Amino acid sequence: MVFPTNNEERFLAWGNIGPILGPLMAGLGVVKVNNGGTFQYSATVMLGSGLLYYAMRQVFLRSRIAARQLLQATIVYLPLQFLIFVLGKS
């Protein structure tokens, strides 16, 4: 069984959303430490909210397709966030 039953929905929610909030908060912290501008803040928030969208979608749909799309969104998120950090470095 890949996904928990209906009684364990909270486990699935925290198992997906918790690890997504970590990189989002870390990204905002890095932007603040680097004295990032509006571009860095807005790009970090947009990328993080897109990743959060796919995590919430996977929680509500609970399908293999949604899980695969969350994996793909994570793979796209990490290099783009790194690129934002490198380009915005003063």
C-alpha atoms as a PDB file:
ATOM      1  CA  MET A   1       0.000   0.000   0.000  1.00  0.00           C
ATOM      2  CA  VAL A   2       1.576   3.229  -1.144  1.00  0.00           C
ATOM      3  CA  PHE A   3      -0.840   5.736   0.388  1.00  0.00           C
ATOM      4  CA  PRO A   4      -2.370   5.662   3.866  1.00  0.00           C
ATOM      5  CA  THR A   5      -6.070   5.052   4.377  1.00  0.00           C
ATOM      6  CA  ASN A   6      -8.609   7.813   4.977  1.00  0.00           C
ATOM      7  CA  ASN A   7      -7.951   7.719   8.728  1.00  0.00           C
ATOM      8  CA  GLU A   8      -4.330   8.657   8.171  1.00  0.00           C
ATOM      9  CA  GLU A   9      -4.806  11.735   5.969  1.00  0.00           C
ATOM     10  CA  ARG A  10      -3.063  13.944   8.505  1.00  0.00           C
ATOM     11  CA  PHE A  11       0.046  11.803   8.170  1.00  0.00           C
ATOM     12  CA  LEU A  12       0.042  12.278   4.413  1.00  0.00           C
ATOM     13  CA  ALA A  13      -0.506  16.029   4.744  1.00  0.00           C
ATOM     14  CA  TRP A  14       2.379  16.518   7.185  1.00  0.00           C
ATOM     15  CA  GLY A  15       4.531  14.089   5.232  1.00  0.00           C
ATOM     16  CA  ASN A  16       4.219  16.274   2.129  1.00  0.00           C
ATOM     17  CA  ILE A  17       3.703  19.823   3.320  1.00  0.00           C
ATOM     18  CA  GLY A  18       6.231  19.780   6.169  1.00  0.00           C
ATOM     19  CA  PRO A  19       9.262  19.022   3.984  1.00  0.00           C
ATOM     20  CA  ILE A  20       8.067  21.576   1.416  1.00  0.00           C
ATOM     21  CA  LEU A  21       7.867  24.388   3.968  1.00  0.00           C
ATOM     22  CA  GLY A  22      11.457  23.726   5.065  1.00  0.00           C
ATOM     23  CA  PRO A  23      13.148  24.690   1.769  1.00  0.00           C
ATOM     24  CA  LEU A  24      10.748  27.604   1.355  1.00  0.00           C
ATOM     25  CA  MET A  25      11.659  29.039   4.758  1.00  0.00           C
ATOM     26  CA  ALA A  26      15.364  28.324   4.182  1.00  0.00           C
ATOM     27  CA  GLY A  27      15.187  30.089   0.813  1.00  0.00           C
ATOM     28  CA  LEU A  28      13.603  33.157   2.358  1.00  0.00           C
ATOM     29  CA  GLY A  29      16.280  33.121   5.059  1.00  0.00           C
ATOM     30  CA  VAL A  30      19.082  32.984   2.489  1.00  0.00           C
ATOM     31  CA  VAL A  31      17.550  35.859   0.540  1.00  0.00           C
ATOM     32  CA  LYS A  32      17.338  37.921   3.722  1.00  0.00           C
ATOM     33  CA  VAL A  33      20.946  37.174   4.703  1.00  0.00           C
ATOM     34  CA  ASN A  34      22.164  38.106   1.206  1.00  0.00           C
ATOM     35  CA  ASN A  35      20.224  41.408   1.398  1.00  0.00           C
ATOM     36  CA  GLY A  36      18.239  40.256  -1.601  1.00  0.00           C
ATOM     37  CA  GLY A  37      16.178  42.598  -3.652  1.00  0.00           C
ATOM     38  CA  THR A  38      12.596  42.464  -4.768  1.00  0.00           C
ATOM     39  CA  PHE A  39      13.426  40.026  -7.566  1.00  0.00           C
ATOM     40  CA  GLN A  40      14.911  37.464  -5.198  1.00  0.00           C
ATOM     41  CA  TYR A  41      12.055  37.690  -2.714  1.00  0.00           C
ATOM     42  CA  SER A  42       9.336  37.501  -5.331  1.00  0.00           C
ATOM     43  CA  ALA A  43      11.010  34.669  -7.262  1.00  0.00           C
ATOM     44  CA  THR A  44      11.551  32.675  -4.070  1.00  0.00           C
ATOM     45  CA  VAL A  45       7.944  33.165  -2.989  1.00  0.00           C
ATOM     46  CA  MET A  46       6.610  32.269  -6.439  1.00  0.00           C
ATOM     47  CA  LEU A  47       8.713  29.129  -6.688  1.00  0.00           C
ATOM     48  CA  GLY A  48       7.823  28.105  -3.142  1.00  0.00           C
ATOM     49  CA  SER A  49       4.124  28.662  -3.658  1.00  0.00           C
ATOM     50  CA  GLY A  50       4.256  26.613  -6.862  1.00  0.00           C
ATOM     51  CA  LEU A  51       5.891  23.766  -4.981  1.00  0.00           C
ATOM     52  CA  LEU A  52       3.360  24.121  -2.184  1.00  0.00           C
ATOM     53  CA  TYR A  53       0.572  23.930  -4.789  1.00  0.00           C
ATOM     54  CA  TYR A  54       1.837  20.579  -6.047  1.00  0.00           C
ATOM     55  CA  ALA A  55       2.214  19.293  -2.484  1.00  0.00           C
ATOM     56  CA  MET A  56      -1.365  20.275  -1.626  1.00  0.00           C
ATOM     57  CA  ARG A  57      -2.562  18.762  -4.879  1.00  0.00           C
ATOM     58  CA  GLN A  58      -0.896  15.490  -3.988  1.00  0.00           C
ATOM     59  CA  VAL A  59      -2.485  15.541  -0.516  1.00  0.00           C
ATOM     60  CA  PHE A  60      -5.986  16.050  -1.879  1.00  0.00           C
ATOM     61  CA  LEU A  61      -5.811  13.830  -4.965  1.00  0.00           C
ATOM     62  CA  ARG A  62      -3.669  11.032  -3.508  1.00  0.00           C
ATOM     63  CA  SER A  63      -2.732   9.570  -6.864  1.00  0.00           C
ATOM     64  CA  ARG A  64       0.472   8.346  -8.432  1.00  0.00           C
ATOM     65  CA  ILE A  65       0.233  11.024 -11.111  1.00  0.00           C
ATOM     66  CA  ALA A  66       0.065  13.794  -8.508  1.00  0.00           C
ATOM     67  CA  ALA A  67       3.007  12.242  -6.643  1.00  0.00           C
ATOM     68  CA  ARG A  68       5.026  12.098  -9.855  1.00  0.00           C
ATOM     69  CA  GLN A  69       4.196  15.733 -10.618  1.00  0.00           C
ATOM     70  CA  LEU A  70       5.301  16.715  -7.106  1.00  0.00           C
ATOM     71  CA  LEU A  71       8.609  14.946  -7.719  1.00  0.00           C
ATOM     72  CA  GLN A  72       9.042  16.761 -11.023  1.00  0.00           C
ATOM     73  CA  ALA A  73       8.187  20.101  -9.401  1.00  0.00           C
ATOM     74  CA  THR A  74      10.804  19.465  -6.728  1.00  0.00           C
ATOM     75  CA  ILE A  75      13.419  18.613  -9.354  1.00  0.00           C
ATOM     76  CA  VAL A  76      12.658  21.876 -11.165  1.00  0.00           C
ATOM     77  CA  TYR A  77      12.432  23.916  -7.942  1.00  0.00           C
ATOM     78  CA  LEU A  78      15.883  23.174  -6.558  1.00  0.00           C
ATOM     79  CA  PRO A  79      18.037  24.233  -9.563  1.00  0.00           C
ATOM     80  CA  LEU A  80      15.900  27.313 -10.190  1.00  0.00           C
ATOM     81  CA  GLN A  81      16.166  28.375  -6.559  1.00  0.00           C
ATOM     82  CA  PHE A  82      19.936  27.880  -6.673  1.00  0.00           C
ATOM     83  CA  LEU A  83      20.086  29.966  -9.859  1.00  0.00           C
ATOM     84  CA  ILE A  84      18.150  32.748  -8.145  1.00  0.00           C
ATOM     85  CA  PHE A  85      20.614  32.704  -5.260  1.00  0.00           C
ATOM     86  CA  VAL A  86      23.603  32.848  -7.604  1.00  0.00           C
ATOM     87  CA  LEU A  87      22.216  35.595  -9.840  1.00  0.00           C
ATOM     88  CA  GLY A  88      21.033  37.710  -6.927  1.00  0.00           C
ATOM     89  CA  LYS A  89      24.279  37.508  -4.978  1.00  0.00           C
ATOM     90  CA  SER A  90      25.717  40.960  -4.479  1.00  0.00           C
END
